[in-house]
PDB file of N, CA and C in Angstrom:
ATOM      1  N   MET A   1      10.381 -22.394  19.267  1.00  0.00           N
ATOM      2  CA  MET A   1      10.085 -23.227  18.062  1.00  0.00           C
ATOM      3  C   MET A   1       8.998 -22.516  17.176  1.00  0.00           C
ATOM      4  N   LYS A   2       7.952 -21.773  17.810  1.00  0.00           N
ATOM      5  CA  LYS A   2       7.113 -21.161  16.882  1.00  0.00           C
ATOM      6  C   LYS A   2       7.744 -20.057  16.127  1.00  0.00           C
ATOM      7  N   TYR A   3       8.845 -19.418  16.771  1.00  0.00           N
ATOM      8  CA  TYR A   3       9.405 -18.353  16.019  1.00  0.00           C
ATOM      9  C   TYR A   3      10.126 -18.840  14.907  1.00  0.00           C
ATOM     10  N   ASN A   4      10.521 -19.935  14.817  1.00  0.00           N
ATOM     11  CA  ASN A   4      11.311 -20.517  13.591  1.00  0.00           C
ATOM     12  C   ASN A   4      10.287 -20.656  12.291  1.00  0.00           C
ATOM     13  N   LEU A   5       9.163 -21.066  12.753  1.00  0.00           N
ATOM     14  CA  LEU A   5       8.158 -21.254  11.698  1.00  0.00           C
ATOM     15  C   LEU A   5       7.655 -19.811  11.265  1.00  0.00           C
ATOM     16  N   ILE A   6       7.219 -18.881  12.266  1.00  0.00           N
ATOM     17  CA  ILE A   6       6.989 -17.541  12.047  1.00  0.00           C
ATOM     18  C   ILE A   6       7.877 -16.791  11.085  1.00  0.00           C
ATOM     19  N   PHE A   7       9.263 -17.032  11.555  1.00  0.00           N
ATOM     20  CA  PHE A   7      10.291 -16.198  10.460  1.00  0.00           C
ATOM     21  C   PHE A   7      10.599 -16.798   9.327  1.00  0.00           C
ATOM     22  N   SER A   8      10.093 -18.245   9.047  1.00  0.00           N
ATOM     23  CA  SER A   8      10.221 -18.827   8.051  1.00  0.00           C
ATOM     24  C   SER A   8       9.149 -18.091   6.764  1.00  0.00           C
ATOM     25  N   ASN A   9       8.077 -18.393   7.456  1.00  0.00           N
ATOM     26  CA  ASN A   9       6.856 -17.551   6.819  1.00  0.00           C
ATOM     27  C   ASN A   9       7.168 -16.218   6.577  1.00  0.00           C
ATOM     28  N   TYR A  10       7.713 -15.355   7.367  1.00  0.00           N
ATOM     29  CA  TYR A  10       8.052 -13.886   6.944  1.00  0.00           C
ATOM     30  C   TYR A  10       9.169 -13.947   5.924  1.00  0.00           C
ATOM     31  N   GLY A  11      10.007 -14.979   5.868  1.00  0.00           N
ATOM     32  CA  GLY A  11      10.861 -15.060   4.708  1.00  0.00           C
ATOM     33  C   GLY A  11      10.283 -15.200   3.301  1.00  0.00           C
ATOM     34  N   ILE A  12       9.174 -15.817   3.370  1.00  0.00           N
ATOM     35  CA  ILE A  12       8.591 -16.044   2.043  1.00  0.00           C
ATOM     36  C   ILE A  12       7.950 -14.827   1.790  1.00  0.00           C
ATOM     37  N   THR A  13       7.252 -14.090   2.762  1.00  0.00           N
ATOM     38  CA  THR A  13       6.680 -12.814   2.379  1.00  0.00           C
ATOM     39  C   THR A  13       7.626 -11.698   1.854  1.00  0.00           C
ATOM     40  N   MET A  14       8.882 -11.949   2.378  1.00  0.00           N
ATOM     41  CA  MET A  14      10.054 -10.837   1.961  1.00  0.00           C
ATOM     42  C   MET A  14      10.364 -11.533   0.573  1.00  0.00           C
ATOM     43  N   ASP A  15      10.520 -12.735   0.273  1.00  0.00           N
ATOM     44  CA  ASP A  15      10.807 -12.872  -1.045  1.00  0.00           C
ATOM     45  C   ASP A  15       9.656 -12.680  -2.172  1.00  0.00           C
ATOM     46  N   THR A  16       8.295 -12.661  -1.688  1.00  0.00           N
ATOM     47  CA  THR A  16       7.310 -12.121  -2.455  1.00  0.00           C
ATOM     48  C   THR A  16       7.538 -10.796  -2.734  1.00  0.00           C
ATOM     49  N   ILE A  17       7.874 -10.064  -1.967  1.00  0.00           N
ATOM     50  CA  ILE A  17       7.861  -8.519  -1.880  1.00  0.00           C
ATOM     51  C   ILE A  17       9.224  -8.169  -2.883  1.00  0.00           C
ATOM     52  N   LYS A  18      10.062  -8.921  -2.645  1.00  0.00           N
ATOM     53  CA  LYS A  18      11.373  -8.876  -3.418  1.00  0.00           C
ATOM     54  C   LYS A  18      11.018  -8.924  -5.080  1.00  0.00           C
ATOM     55  N   SER A  19      10.363 -10.161  -5.359  1.00  0.00           N
ATOM     56  CA  SER A  19       9.642 -10.363  -6.701  1.00  0.00           C
ATOM     57  C   SER A  19       8.706  -9.375  -7.180  1.00  0.00           C
ATOM     58  N   GLU A  20       7.813  -8.886  -6.267  1.00  0.00           N
ATOM     59  CA  GLU A  20       6.938  -7.757  -6.690  1.00  0.00           C
ATOM     60  C   GLU A  20       7.621  -6.612  -7.105  1.00  0.00           C
ATOM     61  N   TYR A  21       8.804  -6.275  -6.352  1.00  0.00           N
ATOM     62  CA  TYR A  21       9.686  -5.029  -6.687  1.00  0.00           C
ATOM     63  C   TYR A  21      10.311  -5.082  -7.910  1.00  0.00           C
ATOM     64  N   MET A  22      11.029  -6.424  -8.278  1.00  0.00           N
ATOM     65  CA  MET A  22      11.649  -6.581  -9.407  1.00  0.00           C
ATOM     66  C   MET A  22      10.725  -6.565 -10.455  1.00  0.00           C
ATOM     67  N   GLN A  23       9.627  -7.051 -10.330  1.00  0.00           N
ATOM     68  CA  GLN A  23       8.596  -6.873 -11.603  1.00  0.00           C
ATOM     69  C   GLN A  23       8.022  -5.563 -11.722  1.00  0.00           C
ATOM     70  N   TRP A  24       7.740  -4.616 -10.881  1.00  0.00           N
ATOM     71  CA  TRP A  24       7.162  -3.416 -10.992  1.00  0.00           C
ATOM     72  C   TRP A  24       8.102  -2.220 -10.966  1.00  0.00           C
ATOM     73  N   LYS A  25       9.434  -2.360 -10.613  1.00  0.00           N
ATOM     74  CA  LYS A  25      10.359  -1.290 -10.515  1.00  0.00           C
ATOM     75  C   LYS A  25      10.409  -0.237 -11.472  1.00  0.00           C
ATOM     76  N   SER A  26      10.415  -0.683 -12.928  1.00  0.00           N
ATOM     77  CA  SER A  26      10.472   0.165 -14.197  1.00  0.00           C
ATOM     78  C   SER A  26       9.132   0.929 -14.057  1.00  0.00           C
ATOM     79  N   GLY A  27       7.867   0.354 -13.656  1.00  0.00           N
ATOM     80  CA  GLY A  27       6.763   1.103 -13.888  1.00  0.00           C
ATOM     81  C   GLY A  27       5.808   0.650 -12.837  1.00  0.00           C
ATOM     82  N   PRO A  28       5.828   1.091 -11.429  1.00  0.00           N
ATOM     83  CA  PRO A  28       4.889   0.602 -10.329  1.00  0.00           C
ATOM     84  C   PRO A  28       3.334   1.133 -10.681  1.00  0.00           C
ATOM     85  N   PRO A  29       2.706   0.339 -10.051  1.00  0.00           N
ATOM     86  CA  PRO A  29       1.253   0.645 -10.176  1.00  0.00           C
ATOM     87  C   PRO A  29       0.995   1.844  -9.249  1.00  0.00           C
ATOM     88  N   LEU A  30       0.206   2.922  -9.819  1.00  0.00           N
ATOM     89  CA  LEU A  30      -0.007   3.895  -9.278  1.00  0.00           C
ATOM     90  C   LEU A  30      -1.375   4.127  -8.800  1.00  0.00           C
ATOM     91  N   VAL A  31      -1.611   4.803  -7.830  1.00  0.00           N
ATOM     92  CA  VAL A  31      -3.088   5.102  -7.426  1.00  0.00           C
ATOM     93  C   VAL A  31      -3.649   6.104  -8.284  1.00  0.00           C
ATOM     94  N   ARG A  32      -4.966   5.920  -8.533  1.00  0.00           N
ATOM     95  CA  ARG A  32      -5.739   6.847  -9.617  1.00  0.00           C
ATOM     96  C   ARG A  32      -5.331   8.517  -9.301  1.00  0.00           C
ATOM     97  N   ASN A  33      -5.138   9.076 -10.378  1.00  0.00           N
ATOM     98  CA  ASN A  33      -4.823  10.805 -10.358  1.00  0.00           C
ATOM     99  C   ASN A  33      -3.756  11.105  -9.517  1.00  0.00           C
ATOM    100  N   MET A  34      -2.895  10.260  -9.236  1.00  0.00           N
ATOM    101  CA  MET A  34      -1.708  10.594  -8.430  1.00  0.00           C
ATOM    102  C   MET A  34      -0.455  10.936  -9.192  1.00  0.00           C
ATOM    103  N   PRO A  35       0.348  11.812  -9.087  1.00  0.00           N
ATOM    104  CA  PRO A  35       1.619  12.238  -9.878  1.00  0.00           C
ATOM    105  C   PRO A  35       2.696  11.022  -9.929  1.00  0.00           C
ATOM    106  N   THR A  36       3.128  10.962 -10.860  1.00  0.00           N
ATOM    107  CA  THR A  36       4.126   9.700 -11.091  1.00  0.00           C
ATOM    108  C   THR A  36       5.113   9.647  -9.973  1.00  0.00           C
ATOM    109  N   VAL A  37       5.727  10.541  -9.855  1.00  0.00           N
ATOM    110  CA  VAL A  37       6.947  10.763  -8.708  1.00  0.00           C
ATOM    111  C   VAL A  37       6.501  10.400  -7.364  1.00  0.00           C
ATOM    112  N   ALA A  38       5.293  10.983  -6.971  1.00  0.00           N
ATOM    113  CA  ALA A  38       4.599  10.723  -5.729  1.00  0.00           C
ATOM    114  C   ALA A  38       4.139   9.246  -5.744  1.00  0.00           C
ATOM    115  N   GLY A  39       3.594   8.743  -6.857  1.00  0.00           N
ATOM    116  CA  GLY A  39       3.043   7.293  -6.797  1.00  0.00           C
ATOM    117  C   GLY A  39       4.172   6.275  -6.689  1.00  0.00           C
ATOM    118  N   ASN A  40       5.586   6.709  -7.228  1.00  0.00           N
ATOM    119  CA  ASN A  40       6.568   5.826  -7.053  1.00  0.00           C
ATOM    120  C   ASN A  40       7.064   5.843  -5.673  1.00  0.00           C
ATOM    121  N   ILE A  41       7.269   6.903  -5.024  1.00  0.00           N
ATOM    122  CA  ILE A  41       7.611   6.923  -3.871  1.00  0.00           C
ATOM    123  C   ILE A  41       6.607   6.219  -2.888  1.00  0.00           C
ATOM    124  N   LEU A  42       5.204   6.546  -2.909  1.00  0.00           N
ATOM    125  CA  LEU A  42       4.182   5.725  -2.089  1.00  0.00           C
ATOM    126  C   LEU A  42       4.498   4.185  -2.390  1.00  0.00           C
ATOM    127  N   TRP A  43       4.581   3.935  -3.440  1.00  0.00           N
ATOM    128  CA  TRP A  43       4.685   2.416  -3.516  1.00  0.00           C
ATOM    129  C   TRP A  43       5.861   1.693  -2.921  1.00  0.00           C
ATOM    130  N   ALA A  44       6.884   2.307  -3.085  1.00  0.00           N
ATOM    131  CA  ALA A  44       8.214   2.000  -2.567  1.00  0.00           C
ATOM    132  C   ALA A  44       8.075   1.891  -0.888  1.00  0.00           C
ATOM    133  N   ARG A  45       7.518   2.918  -0.361  1.00  0.00           N
ATOM    134  CA  ARG A  45       7.205   3.183   1.201  1.00  0.00           C
ATOM    135  C   ARG A  45       6.073   2.054   1.540  1.00  0.00           C
ATOM    136  N   HIS A  46       5.206   1.949   0.679  1.00  0.00           N
ATOM    137  CA  HIS A  46       4.239   0.835   1.141  1.00  0.00           C
ATOM    138  C   HIS A  46       4.778  -0.729   0.978  1.00  0.00           C
ATOM    139  N   LEU A  47       5.970  -1.120   0.265  1.00  0.00           N
ATOM    140  CA  LEU A  47       6.441  -2.135   0.102  1.00  0.00           C
ATOM    141  C   LEU A  47       7.344  -2.437   1.342  1.00  0.00           C
ATOM    142  N   PHE A  48       8.149  -1.188   1.889  1.00  0.00           N
ATOM    143  CA  PHE A  48       8.931  -1.282   2.896  1.00  0.00           C
ATOM    144  C   PHE A  48       8.103  -1.573   4.238  1.00  0.00           C
ATOM    145  N   HIS A  49       6.977  -0.764   4.397  1.00  0.00           N
ATOM    146  CA  HIS A  49       6.378  -1.132   5.480  1.00  0.00           C
ATOM    147  C   HIS A  49       5.620  -2.394   5.771  1.00  0.00           C
ATOM    148  N   ARG A  50       5.489  -3.031   4.621  1.00  0.00           N
ATOM    149  CA  ARG A  50       4.942  -4.672   4.437  1.00  0.00           C
ATOM    150  C   ARG A  50       5.994  -5.356   5.179  1.00  0.00           C
ATOM    151  N   ILE A  51       7.292  -5.085   5.149  1.00  0.00           N
ATOM    152  CA  ILE A  51       8.413  -5.926   5.645  1.00  0.00           C
ATOM    153  C   ILE A  51       8.877  -5.432   7.121  1.00  0.00           C
ATOM    154  N   GLN A  52       8.717  -3.984   7.063  1.00  0.00           N
ATOM    155  CA  GLN A  52       9.150  -3.394   8.577  1.00  0.00           C
ATOM    156  C   GLN A  52       8.270  -3.739   9.685  1.00  0.00           C
ATOM    157  N   GLU A  53       6.834  -3.555   9.372  1.00  0.00           N
ATOM    158  CA  GLU A  53       6.067  -4.000  10.489  1.00  0.00           C
ATOM    159  C   GLU A  53       6.227  -5.403  11.382  1.00  0.00           C
ATOM    160  N   PRO A  54       6.236  -6.442  10.550  1.00  0.00           N
ATOM    161  CA  PRO A  54       6.591  -7.655  11.197  1.00  0.00           C
ATOM    162  C   PRO A  54       7.991  -7.656  11.904  1.00  0.00           C
ATOM    163  N   MET A  55       8.948  -7.119  11.288  1.00  0.00           N
ATOM    164  CA  MET A  55      10.274  -7.349  11.898  1.00  0.00           C
ATOM    165  C   MET A  55      10.263  -6.430  13.119  1.00  0.00           C
ATOM    166  N   GLU A  56       9.784  -5.530  13.334  1.00  0.00           N
ATOM    167  CA  GLU A  56       9.782  -4.799  14.583  1.00  0.00           C
ATOM    168  C   GLU A  56       9.151  -5.421  15.887  1.00  0.00           C
ATOM    169  N   ARG A  57       8.089  -6.467  15.323  1.00  0.00           N
ATOM    170  CA  ARG A  57       7.483  -7.293  16.437  1.00  0.00           C
ATOM    171  C   ARG A  57       8.302  -8.284  16.896  1.00  0.00           C
ATOM    172  N   PHE A  58       9.429  -8.958  16.281  1.00  0.00           N
ATOM    173  CA  PHE A  58      10.095  -9.656  16.777  1.00  0.00           C
ATOM    174  C   PHE A  58      11.041  -9.541  18.016  1.00  0.00           C
ATOM    175  N   PRO A  59      10.980 -10.470  18.866  1.00  0.00           N
ATOM    176  CA  PRO A  59      11.963 -10.060  20.037  1.00  0.00           C
ATOM    177  C   PRO A  59      13.513 -10.015  19.466  1.00  0.00           C
ATOM    178  N   ASP A  60      14.521  -9.208  20.065  1.00  0.00           N
ATOM    179  CA  ASP A  60      15.832  -8.930  19.685  1.00  0.00           C
ATOM    180  C   ASP A  60      16.467 -10.344  19.798  1.00  0.00           C
ATOM    181  N   GLU A  61      16.158 -11.181  20.755  1.00  0.00           N
ATOM    182  CA  GLU A  61      16.956 -12.646  20.710  1.00  0.00           C
ATOM    183  C   GLU A  61      16.491 -13.403  19.497  1.00  0.00           C
ATOM    184  N   ILE A  62      15.591 -13.314  19.118  1.00  0.00           N
ATOM    185  CA  ILE A  62      15.014 -14.151  17.946  1.00  0.00           C
ATOM    186  C   ILE A  62      15.735 -13.715  16.815  1.00  0.00           C
ATOM    187  N   LYS A  63      15.804 -12.321  16.464  1.00  0.00           N
ATOM    188  CA  LYS A  63      16.554 -11.698  15.448  1.00  0.00           C
ATOM    189  C   LYS A  63      18.190 -11.958  15.395  1.00  0.00           C
ATOM    190  N   LYS A  64      18.703 -12.225  16.450  1.00  0.00           N
ATOM    191  CA  LYS A  64      20.097 -12.401  16.652  1.00  0.00           C
ATOM    192  C   LYS A  64      20.429 -14.015  16.505  1.00  0.00           C
ATOM    193  N   ALA A  65      19.422 -14.847  16.538  1.00  0.00           N
ATOM    194  CA  ALA A  65      19.678 -16.265  16.451  1.00  0.00           C
ATOM    195  C   ALA A  65      20.442 -16.375  14.940  1.00  0.00           C
ATOM    196  N   ARG A  66      21.213 -17.553  15.052  1.00  0.00           N
ATOM    197  CA  ARG A  66      22.208 -17.685  13.780  1.00  0.00           C
ATOM    198  C   ARG A  66      21.351 -18.328  12.576  1.00  0.00           C
ATOM    199  N   GLU A  67      20.181 -19.123  13.004  1.00  0.00           N
ATOM    200  CA  GLU A  67      19.541 -19.440  11.921  1.00  0.00           C
ATOM    201  C   GLU A  67      18.558 -18.470  11.169  1.00  0.00           C
ATOM    202  N   HIS A  68      18.290 -17.342  11.836  1.00  0.00           N
ATOM    203  CA  HIS A  68      17.685 -16.266  11.189  1.00  0.00           C
ATOM    204  C   HIS A  68      18.579 -15.306  10.400  1.00  0.00           C
ATOM    205  N   ARG A  69      19.707 -15.299  10.402  1.00  0.00           N
ATOM    206  CA  ARG A  69      20.577 -14.488   9.880  1.00  0.00           C
ATOM    207  C   ARG A  69      20.370 -14.311   8.238  1.00  0.00           C
ATOM    208  N   PRO A  70      20.062 -15.379   7.678  1.00  0.00           N
ATOM    209  CA  PRO A  70      19.576 -14.977   6.284  1.00  0.00           C
ATOM    210  C   PRO A  70      18.441 -14.180   6.040  1.00  0.00           C
ATOM    211  N   TYR A  71      17.553 -14.422   6.916  1.00  0.00           N
ATOM    212  CA  TYR A  71      16.351 -13.523   6.806  1.00  0.00           C
ATOM    213  C   TYR A  71      16.525 -12.066   7.101  1.00  0.00           C
ATOM    214  N   ILE A  72      17.442 -11.885   8.078  1.00  0.00           N
ATOM    215  CA  ILE A  72      17.901 -10.562   8.632  1.00  0.00           C
ATOM    216  C   ILE A  72      18.500  -9.752   7.478  1.00  0.00           C
ATOM    217  N   SER A  73      19.472 -10.664   6.829  1.00  0.00           N
ATOM    218  CA  SER A  73      20.131 -10.211   5.550  1.00  0.00           C
ATOM    219  C   SER A  73      19.296  -9.528   4.357  1.00  0.00           C
ATOM    220  N   LEU A  74      18.206 -10.462   4.106  1.00  0.00           N
ATOM    221  CA  LEU A  74      17.176 -10.169   3.231  1.00  0.00           C
ATOM    222  C   LEU A  74      16.503  -9.119   3.333  1.00  0.00           C
ATOM    223  N   TYR A  75      16.174  -8.870   4.617  1.00  0.00           N
ATOM    224  CA  TYR A  75      15.651  -7.707   5.078  1.00  0.00           C
ATOM    225  C   TYR A  75      16.157  -6.455   4.920  1.00  0.00           C
ATOM    226  N   ASN A  76      17.602  -6.428   5.135  1.00  0.00           N
ATOM    227  CA  ASN A  76      18.375  -5.222   5.037  1.00  0.00           C
ATOM    228  C   ASN A  76      18.696  -4.958   3.756  1.00  0.00           C
ATOM    229  N   ARG A  77      18.683  -6.141   2.757  1.00  0.00           N
ATOM    230  CA  ARG A  77      19.015  -5.763   1.116  1.00  0.00           C
ATOM    231  C   ARG A  77      17.708  -5.085   0.767  1.00  0.00           C
ATOM    232  N   ILE A  78      16.557  -5.548   1.253  1.00  0.00           N
ATOM    233  CA  ILE A  78      15.405  -5.118   0.527  1.00  0.00           C
ATOM    234  C   ILE A  78      15.019  -3.659   1.166  1.00  0.00           C
ATOM    235  N   GLY A  79      15.209  -3.622   2.238  1.00  0.00           N
ATOM    236  CA  GLY A  79      15.274  -2.181   2.968  1.00  0.00           C
ATOM    237  C   GLY A  79      16.151  -1.143   2.120  1.00  0.00           C
ATOM    238  N   GLN A  80      17.476  -1.584   1.817  1.00  0.00           N
ATOM    239  CA  GLN A  80      18.276  -0.516   1.225  1.00  0.00           C
ATOM    240  C   GLN A  80      17.848  -0.495  -0.058  1.00  0.00           C
ATOM    241  N   THR A  81      17.531  -1.329  -1.072  1.00  0.00           N
ATOM    242  CA  THR A  81      17.038  -1.125  -2.241  1.00  0.00           C
ATOM    243  C   THR A  81      15.829  -0.248  -2.337  1.00  0.00           C
ATOM    244  N   LEU A  82      14.819  -0.698  -1.392  1.00  0.00           N
ATOM    245  CA  LEU A  82      13.739   0.321  -1.490  1.00  0.00           C
ATOM    246  C   LEU A  82      14.037   1.870  -1.148  1.00  0.00           C
ATOM    247  N   THR A  83      14.738   1.935  -0.138  1.00  0.00           N
ATOM    248  CA  THR A  83      15.259   3.357   0.075  1.00  0.00           C
ATOM    249  C   THR A  83      15.863   4.175  -1.160  1.00  0.00           C
ATOM    250  N   LEU A  84      16.793   3.149  -1.592  1.00  0.00           N
ATOM    251  CA  LEU A  84      17.728   3.938  -2.987  1.00  0.00           C
ATOM    252  C   LEU A  84      16.524   4.038  -4.099  1.00  0.00           C
ATOM    253  N   PHE A  85      15.567   3.158  -4.138  1.00  0.00           N
ATOM    254  CA  PHE A  85      14.587   3.663  -5.141  1.00  0.00           C
ATOM    255  C   PHE A  85      13.673   4.779  -5.022  1.00  0.00           C
ATOM    256  N   GLU A  86      13.393   5.094  -3.446  1.00  0.00           N
ATOM    257  CA  GLU A  86      12.770   6.375  -3.221  1.00  0.00           C
ATOM    258  C   GLU A  86      13.718   7.390  -3.304  1.00  0.00           C
ATOM    259  N   ILE A  87      15.032   7.450  -3.130  1.00  0.00           N
ATOM    260  CA  ILE A  87      15.839   8.487  -3.205  1.00  0.00           C
ATOM    261  C   ILE A  87      15.939   8.990  -4.598  1.00  0.00           C
ATOM    262  N   MET A  88      15.883   8.233  -5.573  1.00  0.00           N
ATOM    263  CA  MET A  88      15.926   8.412  -6.987  1.00  0.00           C
ATOM    264  C   MET A  88      14.911   9.330  -7.460  1.00  0.00           C
ATOM    265  N   PHE A  89      13.670   9.275  -6.832  1.00  0.00           N
ATOM    266  CA  PHE A  89      12.796  10.279  -7.095  1.00  0.00           C
ATOM    267  C   PHE A  89      12.681  11.669  -6.360  1.00  0.00           C
ATOM    268  N   LEU A  90      13.560  11.833  -5.324  1.00  0.00           N
ATOM    269  CA  LEU A  90      13.411  12.905  -4.380  1.00  0.00           C
ATOM    270  C   LEU A  90      14.188  14.041  -4.901  1.00  0.00           C
TER     271      LEU A  90
END
């Protein structure tokens, strides 16, 4: 039961990160004195790590539950999008 609540809160966090990506993808915020390409890659990796860390902590049984499939799908879509964004600059 508690995992359902935690996973739904995690879904809200992923929606926030998705919105942040959509807002800043054309000109991400950069760290002071950082080259543009390196700053874009760092920003994309930071967003990915914000969703990756919590996902790794959930047990596999919880991830495979039917009611959590939309969150897993969103995680995969965001991860793929951020990886492609990073590849654009490599």
